[in-house]
Amino acid sequence: MKPITHPFTFLSSLLVLVTSFLGIAGPASASGQSVAPTVQTAESKGTVGSILHFSAAGLKPNAPVNLHWETEQGSYAIEGLYRFIGPAYKPEVKTLLSGMSDEQGNWQGSFAVPRGFGGDHTIYVSQDNKHAAQNNVFVAPTFRLSPESGPVGTEITVQAEGIGYSTMESNWQLSYDNKMTGLISAVSTNGSATAKIRASGPAGKHTITIWHGYLGMPYVNYTEAPNAYLPVPSFTFDVTGGPPAAEPEAEASPKAAGGGVRLPALSNKPGVSASLSQSSGHVGDRVMLKASGMPAAQSAKLVWHTMEGSRISGKNFEEKTKVIGTARTDANGSLSYGFPIPDDLGGVPHRMELKVAGVTYGEVYLSILPSVVKMTPTSGPAGTEIAIQIKGVGWTEYDNAYYLDYDNAYLGYMCGFNSQGTATFTIVASGEPGYHLIDLYPGIYRGEQRNPDVYLAPQLTYGEDHPGSAIPAIRLGFAITE
């Protein structure tokens, strides 16, 4: 197959040829007429970290010169606390090199492709803080997988660099043995992605393929697509024998993209301090509230804020409050009060107020983390009905749902808003005797951006690139007996 020339790279090269033919590029002409500066690269494309060589001509002689790299910075746009808008990008310029032109106005050198988004990038040289000349470089994405073998349940990491930010280059999908598993994103991580799955299936070789398709599903005849220049790599994982490397768990909370949603500032009266023994926990966990600077020897109510309703029933949703405890301050205006975390919505933290005689003196935030309440049974023959219940599901457009994979095949999603943070569901065990994976991944329920489609699918890069809240994956398993 002939190599595919990227369209933007071709246009940039054509521009250089045309301007050279017209006699307005390159060093000074024989008549001494001034010419426009140029910059060219020996390589029209590369990958993150690869070395590219450049040469510039027609510059101001014996003068400082800089080489710049134009790219983007990614983030997620969220309106208020709950409405997901979509990925957002803003331009950024990096200075790669500084140097001096020679007496003929030439400058040459090399640079490593910076870590960041892939796709088309403009490089340009500047002198006297003015744009002198530019060209184009295409950065292709790369993918690697580790480890390459292990028993059922082994955590497999797919590391990507140079994922693009454009509609046709930003959305990637992973399949396991030709079954759709989930999405790979790199919005807030600026082109770098870490996707995690677990090894499933009988002992032997299993295929993991990384596809691209802006509609949210793999585009299978990708060689005929407008973005056929993008790779579709495949890897092999060898499932070995032995006991499964898996324990049922809700993982520890990962990092929310960009630090998470921006919460309204808490308001305390002057001199009042309020704090919790922990800022997050599971339903039923014991938490200690401490406060000082309150009115002395008074009864204080702990008021819990939450959301109730449904976004699809037509009745909408609204903020609700309830008193979850009462404590009395001492003669110095201090109090300590222990309470169990309420059975309520997860996701965005809940605000709590300390009120005396209807007046708010202090506020704190508390997050409810997802937890597995029940899974019965954990083994049995094929056809066994498995009942599972989890708590701590959120309510916003980015944390109100979990997305279920069975042996790395996407089955469907569940929502916890209408049931106030609880999701109860059943599935039927299928497959050959052995250990089978049940994985619940974070994802995005809906948003304003339509393309690329990032909705209603497991987000395998939830560890660093999930918007709004730090949502962990939930790892379960079922042993099918003879």
Protein backbone atom coordinates (compact mmCIF):
# COMPACT_ATOMS: atom_id res chain seq x y z
CA MET A 1 0.00 0.00 0.00
CA LYS A 2 1.35 3.45 -0.91
CA PRO A 3 2.15 5.74 2.02
CA ILE A 4 -0.62 8.25 2.71
CA THR A 5 0.39 11.89 2.64
CA HIS A 6 -1.45 13.97 5.22
CA PRO A 7 -3.45 16.68 3.39
CA PHE A 8 -2.26 19.61 5.50
CA THR A 9 1.38 18.55 5.20
CA PHE A 10 0.97 18.32 1.42
CA LEU A 11 -0.48 21.85 1.24
CA SER A 12 2.35 23.27 3.33
CA SER A 13 4.96 21.62 1.11
CA LEU A 14 3.15 22.87 -2.01
CA LEU A 15 3.19 26.42 -0.61
CA VAL A 16 6.95 26.25 -0.12
CA LEU A 17 7.44 25.04 -3.74
CA VAL A 18 5.20 27.76 -5.17
CA THR A 19 6.86 30.57 -3.25
CA SER A 20 10.30 29.27 -4.23
CA PHE A 21 9.24 29.18 -7.90
CA LEU A 22 8.04 32.79 -7.71
CA GLY A 23 11.39 33.86 -6.35
CA ILE A 24 10.12 35.19 -3.00
CA ALA A 25 11.68 32.54 -0.75
CA GLY A 26 15.23 31.54 0.10
CA PRO A 27 18.42 33.62 0.48
CA ALA A 28 18.90 37.01 -1.18
CA SER A 29 18.58 36.98 -4.98
CA ALA A 30 21.43 37.86 -7.32
CA SER A 31 20.02 41.36 -7.77
CA GLY A 32 20.17 41.92 -4.00
CA GLN A 33 16.37 42.12 -3.72
CA SER A 34 15.07 41.18 -0.24
CA VAL A 35 13.27 37.83 0.05
CA ALA A 36 10.75 36.31 2.46
CA PRO A 37 12.17 34.02 5.16
CA THR A 38 11.38 30.30 5.02
CA VAL A 39 11.55 27.37 7.42
CA GLN A 40 11.48 23.75 6.35
CA THR A 41 11.68 20.39 8.11
CA ALA A 42 13.47 17.33 6.83
CA GLU A 43 10.61 15.21 8.19
CA SER A 44 6.97 16.11 7.57
CA LYS A 45 5.70 13.96 10.42
CA GLY A 46 6.81 12.40 13.68
CA THR A 47 5.64 11.09 17.04
CA VAL A 48 5.96 12.47 20.57
CA GLY A 49 9.65 12.43 21.48
CA SER A 50 10.96 11.83 17.95
CA ILE A 51 13.71 14.13 16.63
CA LEU A 52 12.89 16.46 13.74
CA HIS A 53 15.43 18.55 11.81
CA PHE A 54 14.72 22.04 10.50
CA SER A 55 16.43 24.71 8.47
CA ALA A 56 15.50 28.38 8.10
CA ALA A 57 16.72 30.86 5.48
CA GLY A 58 16.21 34.50 4.56
CA LEU A 59 16.44 35.62 8.19
CA LYS A 60 18.02 38.77 9.54
CA PRO A 61 21.77 37.89 9.66
CA ASN A 62 23.65 37.49 12.94
CA ALA A 63 20.53 38.08 15.02
CA PRO A 64 18.62 36.19 17.72
CA VAL A 65 15.98 33.79 16.45
CA ASN A 66 13.39 31.51 18.08
CA LEU A 67 11.56 28.37 17.01
CA HIS A 68 7.96 28.03 18.24
CA TRP A 69 5.41 25.21 18.39
CA GLU A 70 1.67 25.89 18.20
CA THR A 71 -0.59 23.46 20.05
CA GLU A 72 -3.71 23.38 22.24
CA GLN A 73 -4.60 23.00 25.92
CA GLY A 74 -7.63 20.81 26.65
CA SER A 75 -10.26 20.89 29.38
CA TYR A 76 -13.90 20.00 29.96
CA ALA A 77 -16.57 22.70 29.98
CA ILE A 78 -19.21 22.25 32.70
CA GLU A 79 -22.05 24.70 33.29
CA GLY A 80 -22.97 25.10 36.92
CA LEU A 81 -22.46 21.89 38.87
CA TYR A 82 -24.31 19.40 36.73
CA ARG A 83 -24.55 20.28 33.00
CA PHE A 84 -21.84 18.81 30.79
CA ILE A 85 -21.05 20.94 27.75
CA GLY A 86 -18.11 19.07 26.21
CA PRO A 87 -14.39 19.21 25.56
CA ALA A 88 -12.89 22.70 25.18
CA TYR A 89 -9.54 23.73 23.73
CA LYS A 90 -7.52 26.91 23.71
CA PRO A 91 -4.38 27.72 21.68
CA GLU A 92 -0.95 27.59 23.27
CA VAL A 93 2.49 28.46 21.89
CA LYS A 94 5.67 26.80 23.18
CA THR A 95 9.17 28.07 22.45
CA LEU A 96 11.24 25.06 21.41
CA LEU A 97 14.64 26.61 20.69
CA SER A 98 16.50 29.91 20.73
CA GLY A 99 19.61 30.65 18.73
CA MET A 100 21.41 32.99 16.34
CA SER A 101 21.19 33.20 12.58
CA ASP A 102 24.51 33.12 10.69
CA GLU A 103 25.90 35.87 8.47
CA GLN A 104 23.88 34.57 5.50
CA GLY A 105 20.62 34.65 7.50
CA ASN A 106 20.43 30.86 7.88
CA TRP A 107 19.63 28.83 11.00
CA GLN A 108 19.29 25.09 11.39
CA GLY A 109 19.00 22.50 14.12
CA SER A 110 16.79 19.78 15.57
CA PHE A 111 14.16 19.39 18.27
CA ALA A 112 12.18 16.66 20.01
CA VAL A 113 8.43 16.66 19.36
CA PRO A 114 6.91 17.94 22.62
CA ARG A 115 4.56 15.85 24.69
CA GLY A 116 1.01 16.94 24.00
CA PHE A 117 -1.74 16.65 21.44
CA GLY A 118 -1.05 15.01 18.12
CA GLY A 119 -2.35 16.03 14.73
CA ASP A 120 -1.27 19.04 12.68
CA HIS A 121 1.02 21.57 14.33
CA THR A 122 2.43 24.81 12.98
CA ILE A 123 6.07 25.54 13.68
CA TYR A 124 7.37 29.04 13.07
CA VAL A 125 10.49 31.11 13.52
CA SER A 126 10.45 34.62 14.93
CA GLN A 127 12.86 37.53 15.11
CA ASP A 128 12.40 40.82 16.95
CA ASN A 129 9.19 39.35 18.42
CA LYS A 130 7.72 39.10 14.93
CA HIS A 131 6.50 36.04 13.04
CA ALA A 132 9.04 35.37 10.26
CA ALA A 133 8.19 32.04 8.60
CA GLN A 134 6.19 28.88 9.27
CA ASN A 135 5.62 25.29 8.20
CA ASN A 136 3.57 22.28 9.24
CA VAL A 137 4.36 19.04 11.07
CA PHE A 138 1.97 16.14 11.65
CA VAL A 139 2.28 14.21 14.94
CA ALA A 140 0.94 10.65 14.80
CA PRO A 141 -0.37 8.89 17.93
CA THR A 142 1.44 5.93 19.46
CA PHE A 143 0.09 3.15 21.69
CA ARG A 144 1.75 0.56 23.90
CA LEU A 145 0.37 -2.21 26.09
CA SER A 146 1.63 -3.71 29.35
CA PRO A 147 1.85 -6.36 30.62
CA GLU A 148 1.51 -8.86 27.81
CA SER A 149 0.49 -11.89 29.87
CA GLY A 150 -1.09 -12.90 33.16
CA PRO A 151 -4.08 -14.76 34.65
CA VAL A 152 -7.71 -13.70 34.36
CA GLY A 153 -8.23 -10.39 36.15
CA THR A 154 -4.76 -9.03 35.43
CA GLU A 155 -4.90 -5.25 35.02
CA ILE A 156 -3.85 -4.27 31.50
CA THR A 157 -2.72 -0.71 30.76
CA VAL A 158 -2.82 0.89 27.32
CA GLN A 159 -0.65 4.01 27.25
CA ALA A 160 -1.12 6.48 24.41
CA GLU A 161 0.76 9.60 23.38
CA GLY A 162 -0.06 12.13 20.70
CA ILE A 163 -3.82 11.67 20.45
CA GLY A 164 -5.26 14.60 18.51
CA TYR A 165 -7.81 17.19 19.58
CA SER A 166 -9.74 17.57 16.32
CA THR A 167 -13.12 15.90 15.85
CA MET A 168 -11.73 13.21 13.55
CA GLU A 169 -8.66 12.47 15.69
CA SER A 170 -9.76 12.67 19.35
CA ASN A 171 -12.14 9.74 19.79
CA TRP A 172 -10.72 6.22 20.14
CA GLN A 173 -12.28 2.88 21.07
CA LEU A 174 -10.81 -0.33 22.48
CA SER A 175 -12.10 -3.78 21.58
CA TYR A 176 -11.20 -7.07 23.27
CA ASP A 177 -11.55 -10.18 21.12
CA ASN A 178 -13.63 -8.12 18.67
CA LYS A 179 -16.03 -6.94 21.39
CA MET A 180 -16.47 -3.24 22.11
CA THR A 181 -15.02 -2.53 25.58
CA GLY A 182 -14.92 1.25 25.96
CA LEU A 183 -13.55 4.66 25.00
CA ILE A 184 -10.06 6.13 25.18
CA SER A 185 -9.95 9.90 25.69
CA ALA A 186 -7.17 12.43 26.22
CA VAL A 187 -8.92 15.80 26.55
CA SER A 188 -7.70 17.22 29.87
CA THR A 189 -4.46 15.22 29.66
CA ASN A 190 -3.47 16.97 26.42
CA GLY A 191 -3.06 13.98 24.13
CA SER A 192 -1.71 11.50 26.71
CA ALA A 193 -4.02 8.68 27.75
CA THR A 194 -3.90 5.81 30.23
CA ALA A 195 -6.66 3.25 29.69
CA LYS A 196 -7.16 0.32 32.06
CA ILE A 197 -9.01 -2.95 31.53
CA ARG A 198 -8.71 -6.47 32.98
CA ALA A 199 -7.74 -9.66 31.20
CA SER A 200 -10.67 -11.98 30.55
CA GLY A 201 -11.38 -15.24 28.77
CA PRO A 202 -9.91 -18.74 28.71
CA ALA A 203 -6.19 -19.44 28.73
CA GLY A 204 -4.56 -18.50 25.44
CA LYS A 205 -4.09 -15.53 23.13
CA HIS A 206 -6.54 -12.64 23.11
CA THR A 207 -6.61 -9.63 20.78
CA ILE A 208 -6.84 -5.99 21.87
CA THR A 209 -7.42 -3.48 19.07
CA ILE A 210 -7.47 0.33 19.24
CA TRP A 211 -9.91 1.85 16.75
CA HIS A 212 -10.94 5.40 15.89
CA GLY A 213 -14.40 6.64 15.01
CA TYR A 214 -15.85 10.05 15.82
CA LEU A 215 -19.38 8.63 16.17
CA GLY A 216 -18.29 6.78 19.30
CA MET A 217 -17.95 3.32 17.72
CA PRO A 218 -15.06 1.74 15.80
CA TYR A 219 -14.98 2.71 12.11
CA VAL A 220 -14.14 -0.69 10.66
CA ASN A 221 -13.19 0.17 7.06
CA TYR A 222 -10.82 2.84 8.37
CA THR A 223 -8.48 2.59 5.35
CA GLU A 224 -11.22 4.29 3.33
CA ALA A 225 -11.94 6.98 5.92
CA PRO A 226 -10.93 10.66 5.58
CA ASN A 227 -8.56 10.07 8.50
CA ALA A 228 -7.04 6.86 7.10
CA TYR A 229 -3.62 8.28 8.02
CA LEU A 230 -4.34 7.34 11.67
CA PRO A 231 -3.12 3.93 12.93
CA VAL A 232 -5.32 1.07 14.15
CA PRO A 233 -2.89 -0.95 16.28
CA SER A 234 -3.58 -4.46 17.60
CA PHE A 235 -1.93 -6.22 20.52
CA THR A 236 -1.97 -9.76 21.86
CA PHE A 237 -2.44 -10.63 25.52
CA ASP A 238 -1.73 -14.16 26.73
CA VAL A 239 -4.12 -15.28 29.47
CA THR A 240 -2.24 -17.78 31.62
CA GLY A 241 -3.58 -20.38 34.02
CA GLY A 242 -3.80 -20.15 37.77
CA PRO A 243 -6.19 -18.39 40.16
CA PRO A 244 -7.69 -15.09 39.00
CA ALA A 245 -5.76 -11.93 39.89
CA ALA A 246 -8.90 -10.20 41.03
CA GLU A 247 -10.68 -9.20 44.22
CA PRO A 248 -14.15 -7.62 44.17
CA GLU A 249 -13.78 -3.94 45.00
CA ALA A 250 -14.72 -0.37 44.30
CA GLU A 251 -11.37 1.14 43.42
CA ALA A 252 -9.88 4.08 45.28
CA SER A 253 -10.98 7.44 43.90
CA PRO A 254 -8.87 8.54 40.94
CA LYS A 255 -8.09 12.11 39.83
CA ALA A 256 -10.86 14.21 38.34
CA ALA A 257 -9.98 15.95 35.09
CA GLY A 258 -8.48 19.36 35.71
CA GLY A 259 -9.03 19.03 39.46
CA GLY A 260 -12.77 18.49 39.16
CA VAL A 261 -15.83 20.71 39.11
CA ARG A 262 -15.49 24.14 40.76
CA LEU A 263 -17.67 24.20 43.86
CA PRO A 264 -19.17 27.38 45.34
CA ALA A 265 -17.03 28.81 48.15
CA LEU A 266 -18.10 27.87 51.66
CA SER A 267 -19.31 30.67 53.91
CA ASN A 268 -18.40 30.80 57.60
CA LYS A 269 -19.18 33.63 59.97
CA PRO A 270 -16.10 35.54 61.21
CA GLY A 271 -14.24 33.52 63.82
CA VAL A 272 -16.08 30.27 63.03
CA SER A 273 -14.13 27.18 61.97
CA ALA A 274 -15.77 23.92 60.85
CA SER A 275 -14.09 20.74 59.60
CA LEU A 276 -14.69 17.03 59.05
CA SER A 277 -12.46 14.10 60.00
CA GLN A 278 -12.62 13.06 56.33
CA SER A 279 -13.82 14.82 53.21
CA SER A 280 -15.25 11.67 51.60
CA GLY A 281 -16.46 8.19 52.49
CA HIS A 282 -18.98 5.46 51.81
CA VAL A 283 -22.61 5.29 52.91
CA GLY A 284 -22.65 4.41 56.62
CA ASP A 285 -19.04 5.40 57.34
CA ARG A 286 -18.62 7.31 60.59
CA VAL A 287 -17.52 10.95 60.26
CA MET A 288 -16.62 13.44 62.98
CA LEU A 289 -17.59 17.11 62.66
CA LYS A 290 -15.72 19.68 64.73
CA ALA A 291 -16.50 23.37 65.01
CA SER A 292 -15.38 26.35 67.06
CA GLY A 293 -16.34 30.01 67.35
CA MET A 294 -20.05 29.15 67.54
CA PRO A 295 -22.55 30.68 70.01
CA ALA A 296 -21.86 29.18 73.45
CA ALA A 297 -24.14 26.61 75.06
CA GLN A 298 -26.56 26.47 72.14
CA SER A 299 -28.24 23.71 70.16
CA ALA A 300 -26.81 23.48 66.62
CA LYS A 301 -28.50 21.63 63.74
CA LEU A 302 -26.53 19.87 61.03
CA VAL A 303 -28.40 20.52 57.77
CA TRP A 304 -27.71 18.24 54.80
CA HIS A 305 -28.12 19.49 51.19
CA THR A 306 -28.93 17.11 48.36
CA MET A 307 -30.76 16.89 45.03
CA GLU A 308 -34.00 15.01 44.38
CA GLY A 309 -35.93 14.32 41.22
CA SER A 310 -35.33 13.00 37.73
CA ARG A 311 -34.14 14.56 34.50
CA ILE A 312 -36.23 12.24 32.30
CA SER A 313 -39.59 12.01 34.11
CA GLY A 314 -40.64 15.55 33.21
CA LYS A 315 -40.81 16.52 36.89
CA ASN A 316 -37.22 17.84 36.84
CA PHE A 317 -35.11 18.00 40.02
CA GLU A 318 -34.38 20.45 42.80
CA GLU A 319 -32.25 20.98 45.88
CA LYS A 320 -33.60 19.59 49.14
CA THR A 321 -32.43 19.89 52.75
CA LYS A 322 -32.89 17.83 55.88
CA VAL A 323 -31.56 17.87 59.43
CA ILE A 324 -29.33 14.85 60.02
CA GLY A 325 -28.27 15.64 63.59
CA THR A 326 -28.27 18.06 66.50
CA ALA A 327 -25.35 18.88 68.81
CA ARG A 328 -24.86 21.32 71.68
CA THR A 329 -21.95 23.70 71.81
CA ASP A 330 -19.94 23.98 75.02
CA ALA A 331 -19.21 27.10 77.05
CA ASN A 332 -16.51 28.10 74.55
CA GLY A 333 -18.73 27.72 71.48
CA SER A 334 -17.09 24.47 70.33
CA LEU A 335 -18.66 21.14 69.43
CA SER A 336 -17.76 17.65 68.25
CA TYR A 337 -20.39 15.51 66.62
CA GLY A 338 -20.10 12.07 65.04
CA PHE A 339 -22.59 10.85 62.43
CA PRO A 340 -22.91 8.14 59.74
CA ILE A 341 -22.71 9.25 56.13
CA PRO A 342 -26.31 9.37 54.86
CA ASP A 343 -27.63 6.94 52.25
CA ASP A 344 -27.68 9.44 49.42
CA LEU A 345 -26.26 10.50 46.07
CA GLY A 346 -22.58 10.30 45.28
CA GLY A 347 -20.61 12.38 42.83
CA VAL A 348 -20.57 16.11 43.53
CA PRO A 349 -19.95 16.81 47.26
CA HIS A 350 -22.88 17.59 49.54
CA ARG A 351 -22.91 20.88 51.39
CA MET A 352 -23.66 20.80 55.13
CA GLU A 353 -24.60 23.78 57.27
CA LEU A 354 -24.26 24.29 61.02
CA LYS A 355 -27.26 26.35 62.08
CA VAL A 356 -28.15 27.92 65.42
CA ALA A 357 -31.62 29.44 65.74
CA GLY A 358 -32.01 29.33 61.96
CA VAL A 359 -28.75 31.21 61.28
CA THR A 360 -25.90 29.53 59.38
CA TYR A 361 -22.55 29.78 61.20
CA GLY A 362 -20.38 27.28 59.36
CA GLU A 363 -20.34 25.04 56.27
CA VAL A 364 -18.45 21.96 55.08
CA TYR A 365 -18.44 19.68 52.01
CA LEU A 366 -18.68 15.86 52.12
CA SER A 367 -18.46 13.46 49.15
CA ILE A 368 -20.14 10.04 49.06
CA LEU A 369 -18.01 7.44 47.26
CA PRO A 370 -19.42 4.45 45.34
CA SER A 371 -19.52 1.14 47.22
CA VAL A 372 -20.67 -2.42 46.60
CA VAL A 373 -23.47 -3.28 49.00
CA LYS A 374 -24.47 -6.71 47.71
CA MET A 375 -23.53 -9.34 45.14
CA THR A 376 -25.27 -12.70 45.40
CA PRO A 377 -24.33 -15.31 44.53
CA THR A 378 -20.65 -15.15 43.56
CA SER A 379 -20.55 -18.56 41.87
CA GLY A 380 -22.80 -21.05 40.16
CA PRO A 381 -23.51 -22.68 36.78
CA ALA A 382 -24.10 -20.75 33.57
CA GLY A 383 -27.58 -19.24 33.64
CA THR A 384 -27.37 -18.22 37.30
CA GLU A 385 -29.03 -14.87 37.99
CA ILE A 386 -26.66 -12.50 39.80
CA ALA A 387 -28.12 -9.69 41.94
CA ILE A 388 -25.89 -6.65 42.52
CA GLN A 389 -26.48 -3.42 44.42
CA ILE A 390 -24.18 -0.41 44.62
CA LYS A 391 -24.54 2.91 46.43
CA GLY A 392 -22.99 6.32 45.97
CA VAL A 393 -23.95 6.87 42.31
CA GLY A 394 -24.14 10.56 41.39
CA TRP A 395 -26.78 12.80 39.82
CA THR A 396 -25.05 15.12 37.34
CA GLU A 397 -24.76 14.53 33.60
CA TYR A 398 -21.20 13.25 34.12
CA ASP A 399 -21.55 11.07 37.26
CA ASN A 400 -25.13 9.74 37.40
CA ALA A 401 -24.45 6.48 35.53
CA TYR A 402 -22.22 3.43 35.47
CA TYR A 403 -21.48 1.41 32.33
CA LEU A 404 -21.29 -2.38 32.54
CA ASP A 405 -18.77 -4.65 30.80
CA TYR A 406 -19.07 -8.43 31.05
CA ASP A 407 -15.78 -10.08 30.09
CA ASN A 408 -14.76 -6.81 28.40
CA ALA A 409 -17.92 -6.64 26.28
CA TYR A 410 -20.07 -3.55 26.81
CA LEU A 411 -23.57 -4.60 27.90
CA GLY A 412 -25.37 -1.41 28.95
CA TYR A 413 -25.65 1.35 31.54
CA MET A 414 -27.40 2.08 34.83
CA CYS A 415 -28.50 5.32 36.49
CA GLY A 416 -28.62 6.15 40.20
CA PHE A 417 -30.32 9.55 40.28
CA ASN A 418 -33.99 8.53 40.39
CA SER A 419 -33.16 6.02 43.17
CA GLN A 420 -31.17 8.60 45.18
CA GLY A 421 -27.71 7.10 44.63
CA THR A 422 -28.59 3.38 44.69
CA ALA A 423 -28.35 1.14 41.62
CA THR A 424 -29.79 -2.38 41.87
CA PHE A 425 -29.58 -4.71 38.88
CA THR A 426 -29.38 -8.35 37.83
CA ILE A 427 -27.43 -10.09 35.08
CA VAL A 428 -27.33 -13.72 34.00
CA ALA A 429 -23.99 -15.55 34.18
CA SER A 430 -22.80 -16.76 30.79
CA GLY A 431 -19.74 -18.45 29.38
CA GLU A 432 -17.62 -21.50 29.99
CA PRO A 433 -16.63 -22.69 33.49
CA GLY A 434 -14.12 -20.33 35.05
CA TYR A 435 -13.87 -16.80 36.40
CA HIS A 436 -15.78 -14.08 34.52
CA LEU A 437 -15.35 -10.33 34.92
CA ILE A 438 -18.08 -7.82 35.78
CA ASP A 439 -16.67 -4.29 35.48
CA LEU A 440 -18.51 -1.02 36.06
CA TYR A 441 -16.86 2.02 34.47
CA PRO A 442 -17.56 5.75 34.76
CA GLY A 443 -18.84 7.51 31.68
CA ILE A 444 -20.72 10.59 30.52
CA TYR A 445 -24.51 10.38 30.35
CA ARG A 446 -25.08 13.29 28.00
CA GLY A 447 -23.83 16.73 26.99
CA GLU A 448 -24.10 19.56 24.49
CA GLN A 449 -21.34 18.48 22.11
CA ARG A 450 -22.56 15.94 19.57
CA ASN A 451 -19.37 15.08 17.66
CA PRO A 452 -17.29 13.31 18.63
CA ASP A 453 -19.80 11.18 20.53
CA VAL A 454 -18.43 10.44 24.02
CA TYR A 455 -21.73 9.48 25.66
CA LEU A 456 -23.29 6.30 27.05
CA ALA A 457 -20.13 4.20 26.92
CA PRO A 458 -17.48 3.05 29.40
CA GLN A 459 -14.64 5.57 29.70
CA LEU A 460 -11.48 3.48 30.11
CA THR A 461 -9.40 6.60 30.78
CA TYR A 462 -11.44 7.49 33.88
CA GLY A 463 -8.30 7.54 36.03
CA GLU A 464 -7.24 11.05 34.93
CA ASP A 465 -9.61 12.27 32.22
CA HIS A 466 -13.13 11.95 33.63
CA PRO A 467 -14.82 15.36 33.90
CA GLY A 468 -16.29 16.85 37.04
CA SER A 469 -15.93 14.12 39.66
CA ALA A 470 -13.35 11.52 40.60
CA ILE A 471 -15.35 8.36 39.85
CA PRO A 472 -13.72 4.96 40.48
CA ALA A 473 -14.29 1.79 38.53
CA ILE A 474 -15.99 -1.10 40.34
CA ARG A 475 -14.42 -4.53 39.83
CA LEU A 476 -16.48 -7.68 40.38
CA GLY A 477 -16.35 -11.28 39.21
CA PHE A 478 -18.36 -14.48 39.04
CA ALA A 479 -17.08 -18.05 39.01
CA ILE A 480 -19.04 -20.29 36.65
CA THR A 481 -18.99 -23.86 37.91
CA GLU A 482 -19.38 -27.08 35.93
